[in-house]
N, C-alpha and C. Protein backbone atom coordinates (compact mmCIF):
# COMPACT_ATOMS: atom_id res chain seq x y z
N UNK A 1 123.56 170.86 107.16
CA UNK A 1 122.49 170.39 106.35
C UNK A 1 121.17 170.93 106.86
N UNK A 2 120.35 171.33 105.96
CA UNK A 2 119.06 171.89 106.36
C UNK A 2 118.08 170.79 106.65
N UNK A 3 117.11 171.10 107.48
CA UNK A 3 116.11 170.10 107.84
C UNK A 3 115.03 169.95 106.79
N UNK A 4 114.89 170.89 105.89
CA UNK A 4 113.86 170.82 104.86
C UNK A 4 114.25 169.93 103.68
N UNK A 5 115.51 169.57 103.57
CA UNK A 5 115.95 168.70 102.48
C UNK A 5 115.48 167.29 102.72
N UNK A 6 115.02 166.67 101.67
CA UNK A 6 114.58 165.27 101.76
C UNK A 6 115.55 164.38 101.02
N UNK A 7 115.78 163.27 101.58
CA UNK A 7 116.62 162.29 100.92
C UNK A 7 115.73 161.32 100.17
N UNK A 8 116.14 160.96 98.95
CA UNK A 8 115.33 159.98 98.22
C UNK A 8 115.41 158.62 98.90
N UNK A 9 114.30 157.97 98.98
CA UNK A 9 114.27 156.63 99.59
C UNK A 9 113.59 155.66 98.64
N UNK A 10 113.84 154.36 98.82
CA UNK A 10 113.21 153.34 97.99
C UNK A 10 114.02 153.04 96.75
N UNK A 11 113.36 152.46 95.76
CA UNK A 11 114.02 152.06 94.53
C UNK A 11 114.13 153.27 93.62
N UNK A 12 115.29 153.42 93.05
CA UNK A 12 115.51 154.53 92.12
C UNK A 12 114.98 154.15 90.75
N UNK A 13 114.83 155.13 89.91
CA UNK A 13 114.37 154.90 88.55
C UNK A 13 115.38 154.04 87.79
N UNK A 14 116.63 154.16 88.05
CA UNK A 14 117.68 153.41 87.37
C UNK A 14 117.56 151.91 87.61
N UNK A 15 117.31 151.50 88.82
CA UNK A 15 117.20 150.07 89.11
C UNK A 15 115.94 149.47 88.49
N UNK A 16 114.87 150.22 88.40
CA UNK A 16 113.65 149.73 87.74
C UNK A 16 113.89 149.53 86.25
N UNK A 17 114.67 150.43 85.66
CA UNK A 17 115.00 150.29 84.23
C UNK A 17 115.85 149.05 83.99
N UNK A 18 116.79 148.78 84.89
CA UNK A 18 117.64 147.59 84.74
C UNK A 18 116.80 146.32 84.83
N UNK A 19 115.89 146.26 85.78
CA UNK A 19 115.02 145.10 85.92
C UNK A 19 114.13 144.94 84.68
N UNK A 20 113.63 146.04 84.15
CA UNK A 20 112.79 145.98 82.94
C UNK A 20 113.60 145.48 81.74
N UNK A 21 114.81 145.97 81.56
CA UNK A 21 115.66 145.53 80.45
C UNK A 21 115.98 144.05 80.60
N UNK A 22 116.29 143.61 81.81
CA UNK A 22 116.58 142.20 82.06
C UNK A 22 115.36 141.32 81.75
N UNK A 23 114.19 141.76 82.14
CA UNK A 23 112.96 141.00 81.87
C UNK A 23 112.70 140.89 80.37
N UNK A 24 112.84 141.99 79.66
CA UNK A 24 112.62 141.98 78.21
C UNK A 24 113.66 141.08 77.53
N UNK A 25 114.90 141.13 77.98
CA UNK A 25 115.95 140.29 77.42
C UNK A 25 115.64 138.80 77.66
N UNK A 26 115.21 138.44 78.85
CA UNK A 26 114.85 137.05 79.15
C UNK A 26 113.68 136.59 78.29
N UNK A 27 112.66 137.40 78.16
CA UNK A 27 111.50 137.03 77.34
C UNK A 27 111.89 136.88 75.87
N UNK A 28 112.79 137.73 75.39
CA UNK A 28 113.25 137.63 74.00
C UNK A 28 114.02 136.33 73.78
N UNK A 29 114.89 135.99 74.71
CA UNK A 29 115.66 134.74 74.60
C UNK A 29 114.72 133.54 74.61
N UNK A 30 113.75 133.53 75.51
CA UNK A 30 112.79 132.42 75.56
C UNK A 30 111.96 132.32 74.27
N UNK A 31 111.61 133.46 73.71
CA UNK A 31 110.85 133.46 72.46
C UNK A 31 111.68 132.89 71.31
N UNK A 32 112.95 133.26 71.24
CA UNK A 32 113.83 132.74 70.19
C UNK A 32 114.03 131.23 70.36
N UNK A 33 114.26 130.78 71.58
CA UNK A 33 114.42 129.34 71.83
C UNK A 33 113.15 128.56 71.49
N UNK A 34 112.01 129.12 71.79
CA UNK A 34 110.74 128.47 71.45
C UNK A 34 110.57 128.37 69.94
N UNK A 35 110.91 129.43 69.23
CA UNK A 35 110.82 129.41 67.78
C UNK A 35 111.76 128.36 67.17
N UNK A 36 113.00 128.28 67.66
CA UNK A 36 113.96 127.31 67.15
C UNK A 36 113.47 125.88 67.41
N UNK A 37 112.97 125.63 68.61
CA UNK A 37 112.45 124.31 68.95
C UNK A 37 111.27 123.94 68.07
N UNK A 38 110.37 124.87 67.87
CA UNK A 38 109.20 124.60 67.02
C UNK A 38 109.62 124.31 65.58
N UNK A 39 110.61 125.02 65.08
CA UNK A 39 111.11 124.81 63.73
C UNK A 39 111.73 123.41 63.59
N UNK A 40 112.52 122.99 64.57
CA UNK A 40 113.11 121.65 64.53
C UNK A 40 112.04 120.56 64.62
N UNK A 41 111.05 120.77 65.45
CA UNK A 41 109.95 119.79 65.56
C UNK A 41 109.17 119.69 64.24
N UNK A 42 108.98 120.81 63.57
CA UNK A 42 108.30 120.80 62.28
C UNK A 42 109.09 120.00 61.25
N UNK A 43 110.41 120.23 61.20
CA UNK A 43 111.25 119.51 60.25
C UNK A 43 111.25 118.01 60.55
N UNK A 44 111.29 117.64 61.82
CA UNK A 44 111.26 116.23 62.20
C UNK A 44 109.93 115.60 61.82
N UNK A 45 108.83 116.30 62.07
CA UNK A 45 107.52 115.77 61.71
C UNK A 45 107.39 115.63 60.19
N UNK A 46 107.96 116.57 59.44
CA UNK A 46 107.91 116.50 57.98
C UNK A 46 108.71 115.30 57.47
N UNK A 47 109.90 115.07 58.03
CA UNK A 47 110.70 113.90 57.65
C UNK A 47 109.97 112.60 57.98
N UNK A 48 109.36 112.57 59.14
CA UNK A 48 108.63 111.37 59.56
C UNK A 48 107.45 111.12 58.63
N UNK A 49 106.75 112.15 58.25
CA UNK A 49 105.61 112.00 57.34
C UNK A 49 106.08 111.50 55.97
N UNK A 50 107.21 112.00 55.48
CA UNK A 50 107.75 111.53 54.20
C UNK A 50 108.14 110.06 54.28
N UNK A 51 108.73 109.65 55.40
CA UNK A 51 109.14 108.26 55.58
C UNK A 51 107.90 107.34 55.59
N UNK A 52 106.90 107.73 56.35
CA UNK A 52 105.68 106.91 56.43
C UNK A 52 104.99 106.83 55.07
N UNK A 53 104.96 107.95 54.36
CA UNK A 53 104.35 107.95 53.02
C UNK A 53 105.10 107.02 52.08
N UNK A 54 106.43 107.06 52.12
CA UNK A 54 107.23 106.18 51.25
C UNK A 54 107.00 104.72 51.60
N UNK A 55 106.90 104.42 52.90
CA UNK A 55 106.66 103.03 53.30
C UNK A 55 105.30 102.55 52.79
N UNK A 56 104.27 103.34 52.99
CA UNK A 56 102.94 102.89 52.58
C UNK A 56 102.77 102.88 51.06
N UNK A 57 103.53 103.71 50.34
CA UNK A 57 103.54 103.61 48.88
C UNK A 57 104.13 102.27 48.44
N UNK A 58 105.25 101.87 49.07
CA UNK A 58 105.86 100.57 48.75
C UNK A 58 104.93 99.44 49.16
N UNK A 59 104.29 99.57 50.30
CA UNK A 59 103.36 98.55 50.77
C UNK A 59 102.17 98.40 49.82
N UNK A 60 101.67 99.51 49.32
CA UNK A 60 100.55 99.48 48.37
C UNK A 60 100.95 98.78 47.08
N UNK A 61 102.14 99.10 46.58
CA UNK A 61 102.62 98.43 45.37
C UNK A 61 102.79 96.92 45.60
N UNK A 62 103.27 96.55 46.79
CA UNK A 62 103.44 95.13 47.11
C UNK A 62 102.09 94.42 47.18
N UNK A 63 101.09 95.07 47.74
CA UNK A 63 99.74 94.47 47.81
C UNK A 63 99.14 94.33 46.41
N UNK A 64 99.37 95.33 45.56
CA UNK A 64 98.87 95.24 44.17
C UNK A 64 99.53 94.08 43.45
N UNK A 65 100.85 93.90 43.66
CA UNK A 65 101.55 92.77 43.05
C UNK A 65 101.01 91.45 43.58
N UNK A 66 100.73 91.39 44.87
CA UNK A 66 100.14 90.18 45.45
C UNK A 66 98.78 89.89 44.81
N UNK A 67 98.01 90.93 44.57
CA UNK A 67 96.72 90.76 43.90
C UNK A 67 96.87 90.20 42.50
N UNK A 68 97.89 90.68 41.78
CA UNK A 68 98.15 90.15 40.43
C UNK A 68 98.53 88.67 40.50
N UNK A 69 99.33 88.31 41.51
CA UNK A 69 99.71 86.90 41.69
C UNK A 69 98.47 86.06 41.96
N UNK A 70 97.58 86.57 42.81
CA UNK A 70 96.35 85.83 43.11
C UNK A 70 95.50 85.63 41.85
N UNK A 71 95.42 86.66 41.00
CA UNK A 71 94.67 86.54 39.74
C UNK A 71 95.29 85.48 38.83
N UNK A 72 96.61 85.50 38.74
CA UNK A 72 97.29 84.52 37.88
C UNK A 72 97.08 83.10 38.42
N UNK A 73 97.15 82.94 39.74
CA UNK A 73 96.92 81.63 40.34
C UNK A 73 95.50 81.14 40.07
N UNK A 74 94.54 82.07 40.17
CA UNK A 74 93.13 81.69 39.93
C UNK A 74 92.93 81.26 38.47
N UNK A 75 93.65 81.89 37.53
CA UNK A 75 93.50 81.55 36.11
C UNK A 75 94.24 80.27 35.71
N UNK A 76 95.29 79.94 36.47
CA UNK A 76 96.07 78.74 36.11
C UNK A 76 95.45 77.51 36.77
N UNK A 77 95.72 76.37 36.18
CA UNK A 77 95.10 75.16 36.70
C UNK A 77 95.94 74.40 37.69
N UNK A 78 97.26 74.67 37.73
CA UNK A 78 98.13 73.89 38.60
C UNK A 78 99.20 74.79 39.21
N UNK A 79 99.95 74.21 40.14
CA UNK A 79 101.04 74.95 40.77
C UNK A 79 102.12 75.28 39.74
N UNK A 80 102.45 74.31 38.90
CA UNK A 80 103.46 74.53 37.86
C UNK A 80 102.99 75.58 36.86
N UNK A 81 101.71 75.52 36.50
CA UNK A 81 101.16 76.53 35.60
C UNK A 81 101.18 77.91 36.21
N UNK A 82 100.92 78.02 37.51
CA UNK A 82 100.96 79.31 38.20
C UNK A 82 102.38 79.86 38.22
N UNK A 83 103.35 79.00 38.50
CA UNK A 83 104.75 79.45 38.53
C UNK A 83 105.19 79.95 37.16
N UNK A 84 104.84 79.20 36.13
CA UNK A 84 105.23 79.60 34.78
C UNK A 84 104.54 80.89 34.36
N UNK A 85 103.26 81.02 34.69
CA UNK A 85 102.50 82.21 34.32
C UNK A 85 103.02 83.46 35.05
N UNK A 86 103.39 83.30 36.31
CA UNK A 86 103.92 84.44 37.07
C UNK A 86 105.28 84.86 36.52
N UNK A 87 106.12 83.90 36.22
CA UNK A 87 107.44 84.24 35.66
C UNK A 87 107.32 84.93 34.31
N UNK A 88 106.31 84.54 33.52
CA UNK A 88 106.12 85.11 32.19
C UNK A 88 105.35 86.44 32.21
N UNK A 89 104.72 86.77 33.32
CA UNK A 89 103.85 87.95 33.39
C UNK A 89 104.62 89.27 33.36
N UNK A 90 105.89 89.26 33.74
CA UNK A 90 106.68 90.50 33.72
C UNK A 90 106.32 91.48 34.82
N UNK A 91 105.96 90.96 35.99
CA UNK A 91 105.59 91.84 37.11
C UNK A 91 106.68 91.91 38.16
N UNK A 92 107.86 91.37 37.84
CA UNK A 92 109.00 91.46 38.75
C UNK A 92 108.96 90.45 39.87
N UNK A 93 108.28 89.32 39.65
CA UNK A 93 108.15 88.28 40.67
C UNK A 93 108.91 87.05 40.19
N UNK A 94 109.68 86.47 41.10
CA UNK A 94 110.37 85.22 40.81
C UNK A 94 109.58 84.08 41.44
N UNK A 95 109.17 83.14 40.63
CA UNK A 95 108.40 81.99 41.12
C UNK A 95 109.24 80.73 40.97
N UNK A 96 109.35 79.98 42.06
CA UNK A 96 110.08 78.71 42.03
C UNK A 96 109.20 77.63 42.65
N UNK A 97 109.25 76.45 42.06
CA UNK A 97 108.46 75.33 42.59
C UNK A 97 109.29 74.61 43.64
N UNK A 98 108.69 74.42 44.81
CA UNK A 98 109.34 73.74 45.92
C UNK A 98 108.39 72.67 46.44
N UNK A 99 108.70 71.40 46.18
CA UNK A 99 107.86 70.32 46.64
C UNK A 99 106.48 70.40 46.01
N UNK A 100 105.45 70.45 46.86
CA UNK A 100 104.07 70.52 46.39
C UNK A 100 103.60 71.96 46.20
N UNK A 101 104.43 72.94 46.54
CA UNK A 101 104.01 74.33 46.49
C UNK A 101 104.87 75.16 45.57
N UNK A 102 104.53 76.41 45.50
CA UNK A 102 105.24 77.38 44.68
C UNK A 102 105.62 78.57 45.55
N UNK A 103 106.85 78.98 45.45
CA UNK A 103 107.38 80.09 46.25
C UNK A 103 107.52 81.32 45.36
N UNK A 104 106.90 82.44 45.76
CA UNK A 104 106.96 83.69 45.01
C UNK A 104 107.78 84.70 45.83
N UNK A 105 108.70 85.38 45.19
CA UNK A 105 109.52 86.39 45.87
C UNK A 105 109.61 87.65 45.00
N UNK A 106 109.44 88.79 45.64
CA UNK A 106 109.57 90.07 44.95
C UNK A 106 109.87 91.16 45.97
N UNK A 107 110.26 92.32 45.49
CA UNK A 107 110.54 93.44 46.39
C UNK A 107 110.04 94.74 45.76
N UNK A 108 109.75 95.68 46.62
CA UNK A 108 109.33 97.02 46.21
C UNK A 108 110.27 98.03 46.86
N UNK A 109 110.86 98.88 46.04
CA UNK A 109 111.81 99.87 46.54
C UNK A 109 111.08 100.97 47.30
N UNK A 110 111.58 101.26 48.51
CA UNK A 110 111.00 102.33 49.31
C UNK A 110 111.77 103.64 49.08
N UNK A 111 113.08 103.58 49.21
CA UNK A 111 113.95 104.73 48.92
C UNK A 111 115.31 104.18 48.51
N UNK A 112 116.33 105.01 48.52
CA UNK A 112 117.65 104.57 48.07
C UNK A 112 118.27 103.55 49.03
N UNK A 113 117.81 103.51 50.26
CA UNK A 113 118.43 102.66 51.27
C UNK A 113 117.60 101.44 51.67
N UNK A 114 116.31 101.44 51.42
CA UNK A 114 115.45 100.38 51.92
C UNK A 114 114.49 99.89 50.85
N UNK A 115 114.10 98.62 51.00
CA UNK A 115 113.08 98.05 50.14
C UNK A 115 112.24 97.09 50.95
N UNK A 116 111.01 96.91 50.49
CA UNK A 116 110.08 95.98 51.13
C UNK A 116 110.19 94.65 50.40
N UNK A 117 110.65 93.63 51.10
CA UNK A 117 110.82 92.31 50.50
C UNK A 117 109.66 91.42 50.91
N UNK A 118 109.08 90.74 49.92
CA UNK A 118 107.91 89.90 50.15
C UNK A 118 108.19 88.49 49.61
N UNK A 119 107.81 87.50 50.40
CA UNK A 119 107.87 86.10 49.98
C UNK A 119 106.53 85.46 50.29
N UNK A 120 105.97 84.81 49.28
CA UNK A 120 104.67 84.15 49.41
C UNK A 120 104.83 82.67 49.06
N UNK A 121 104.02 81.85 49.69
CA UNK A 121 104.04 80.42 49.41
C UNK A 121 102.62 80.00 49.01
N UNK A 122 102.54 79.36 47.83
CA UNK A 122 101.26 78.86 47.35
C UNK A 122 101.29 77.34 47.42
N UNK A 123 100.41 76.81 48.20
CA UNK A 123 100.32 75.37 48.31
C UNK A 123 99.02 75.00 49.00
N UNK A 124 98.43 73.91 48.56
CA UNK A 124 97.18 73.49 49.18
C UNK A 124 96.03 74.43 48.88
N UNK A 125 96.10 75.12 47.76
CA UNK A 125 95.01 76.02 47.38
C UNK A 125 95.00 77.33 48.14
N UNK A 126 96.08 77.63 48.85
CA UNK A 126 96.10 78.83 49.69
C UNK A 126 97.42 79.58 49.49
N UNK A 127 97.36 80.91 49.46
CA UNK A 127 98.56 81.75 49.33
C UNK A 127 98.91 82.28 50.72
N UNK A 128 100.08 81.90 51.22
CA UNK A 128 100.50 82.24 52.58
C UNK A 128 101.66 83.24 52.51
N UNK A 129 101.59 84.27 53.32
CA UNK A 129 102.67 85.25 53.40
C UNK A 129 103.75 84.72 54.34
N UNK A 130 104.93 84.49 53.81
CA UNK A 130 106.06 84.03 54.63
C UNK A 130 106.93 85.18 55.11
N UNK A 131 107.04 86.21 54.31
CA UNK A 131 107.90 87.35 54.67
C UNK A 131 107.31 88.62 54.09
N UNK A 132 107.21 89.62 54.92
CA UNK A 132 106.77 90.96 54.50
C UNK A 132 107.61 91.91 55.34
N UNK A 133 108.82 92.24 54.85
CA UNK A 133 109.81 92.87 55.71
C UNK A 133 110.51 94.03 55.00
N UNK A 134 110.74 95.08 55.75
CA UNK A 134 111.50 96.23 55.28
C UNK A 134 112.98 95.94 55.54
N UNK A 135 113.80 95.97 54.48
CA UNK A 135 115.20 95.56 54.58
C UNK A 135 116.10 96.70 54.09
N UNK A 136 117.20 96.90 54.82
CA UNK A 136 118.19 97.89 54.41
C UNK A 136 119.06 97.28 53.31
N UNK A 137 119.14 97.95 52.17
CA UNK A 137 119.90 97.44 51.04
C UNK A 137 121.08 98.34 50.67
N UNK A 138 121.32 99.37 51.44
CA UNK A 138 122.42 100.29 51.15
C UNK A 138 123.75 99.65 51.52
N UNK A 139 124.78 99.99 50.78
CA UNK A 139 126.11 99.51 51.11
C UNK A 139 126.63 100.29 52.31
N UNK A 140 127.19 99.55 53.25
CA UNK A 140 127.74 100.18 54.44
C UNK A 140 129.08 99.54 54.73
N UNK A 141 130.07 100.35 54.96
CA UNK A 141 131.37 99.82 55.34
C UNK A 141 131.87 100.61 56.54
N UNK A 142 132.35 99.87 57.51
CA UNK A 142 132.84 100.50 58.73
C UNK A 142 134.22 101.09 58.49
N UNK A 143 134.45 102.24 59.07
CA UNK A 143 135.77 102.85 59.03
C UNK A 143 136.60 102.16 60.11
N UNK A 144 137.66 101.49 59.73
CA UNK A 144 138.45 100.71 60.66
C UNK A 144 139.37 101.53 61.55
N UNK A 145 139.52 102.80 61.26
CA UNK A 145 140.44 103.62 62.04
C UNK A 145 139.72 104.33 63.17
N UNK A 146 140.40 104.38 64.30
CA UNK A 146 139.90 105.15 65.43
C UNK A 146 140.90 106.28 65.67
N UNK A 147 140.45 107.51 65.56
CA UNK A 147 141.31 108.67 65.73
C UNK A 147 141.19 109.16 67.17
N UNK A 148 142.26 108.97 67.93
CA UNK A 148 142.28 109.42 69.32
C UNK A 148 143.20 110.63 69.46
N UNK A 149 142.87 111.50 70.34
CA UNK A 149 143.68 112.68 70.59
C UNK A 149 144.92 112.26 71.38
N UNK A 150 146.10 112.60 70.88
CA UNK A 150 147.33 112.18 71.53
C UNK A 150 147.90 113.25 72.47
N UNK A 151 147.19 114.31 72.66
CA UNK A 151 147.64 115.36 73.56
C UNK A 151 148.25 116.55 72.85
N UNK A 152 148.61 116.36 71.60
CA UNK A 152 149.15 117.47 70.81
C UNK A 152 148.03 118.06 69.98
N UNK A 153 148.11 119.33 69.73
CA UNK A 153 147.10 119.96 68.91
C UNK A 153 147.47 119.84 67.50
């Protein structure tokens, strides 16, 4: 071997290329994962916004119905007159006389599965909210079978 020949030392061009390809691959994977996560978060936020909008639409309709009940009560002279007037008004409210007061019940549909149920009590010159609740009204039946793997495919 001659003394003028030099041996290459240090990192070769090939290993630098491998590190560069690995870095670009890692950054690409992280970018794709970030995009997928952001897309799922957007869909979840959109569903949540639709749910909140549906709830407050039902709540608004329930408050408007309560306002109509208050107007009818103000126009009627007695508890019995208020109950009769509300039942005849066609606003979807059921009025029943209980003792010295009148009980009003109605609901506002939120979606196919839930509705806002409201119960009001009028007595002593005051309208009191007894129930203002979101209730699940969808039919649900449990599947009674449990499928366990018995070891065979």
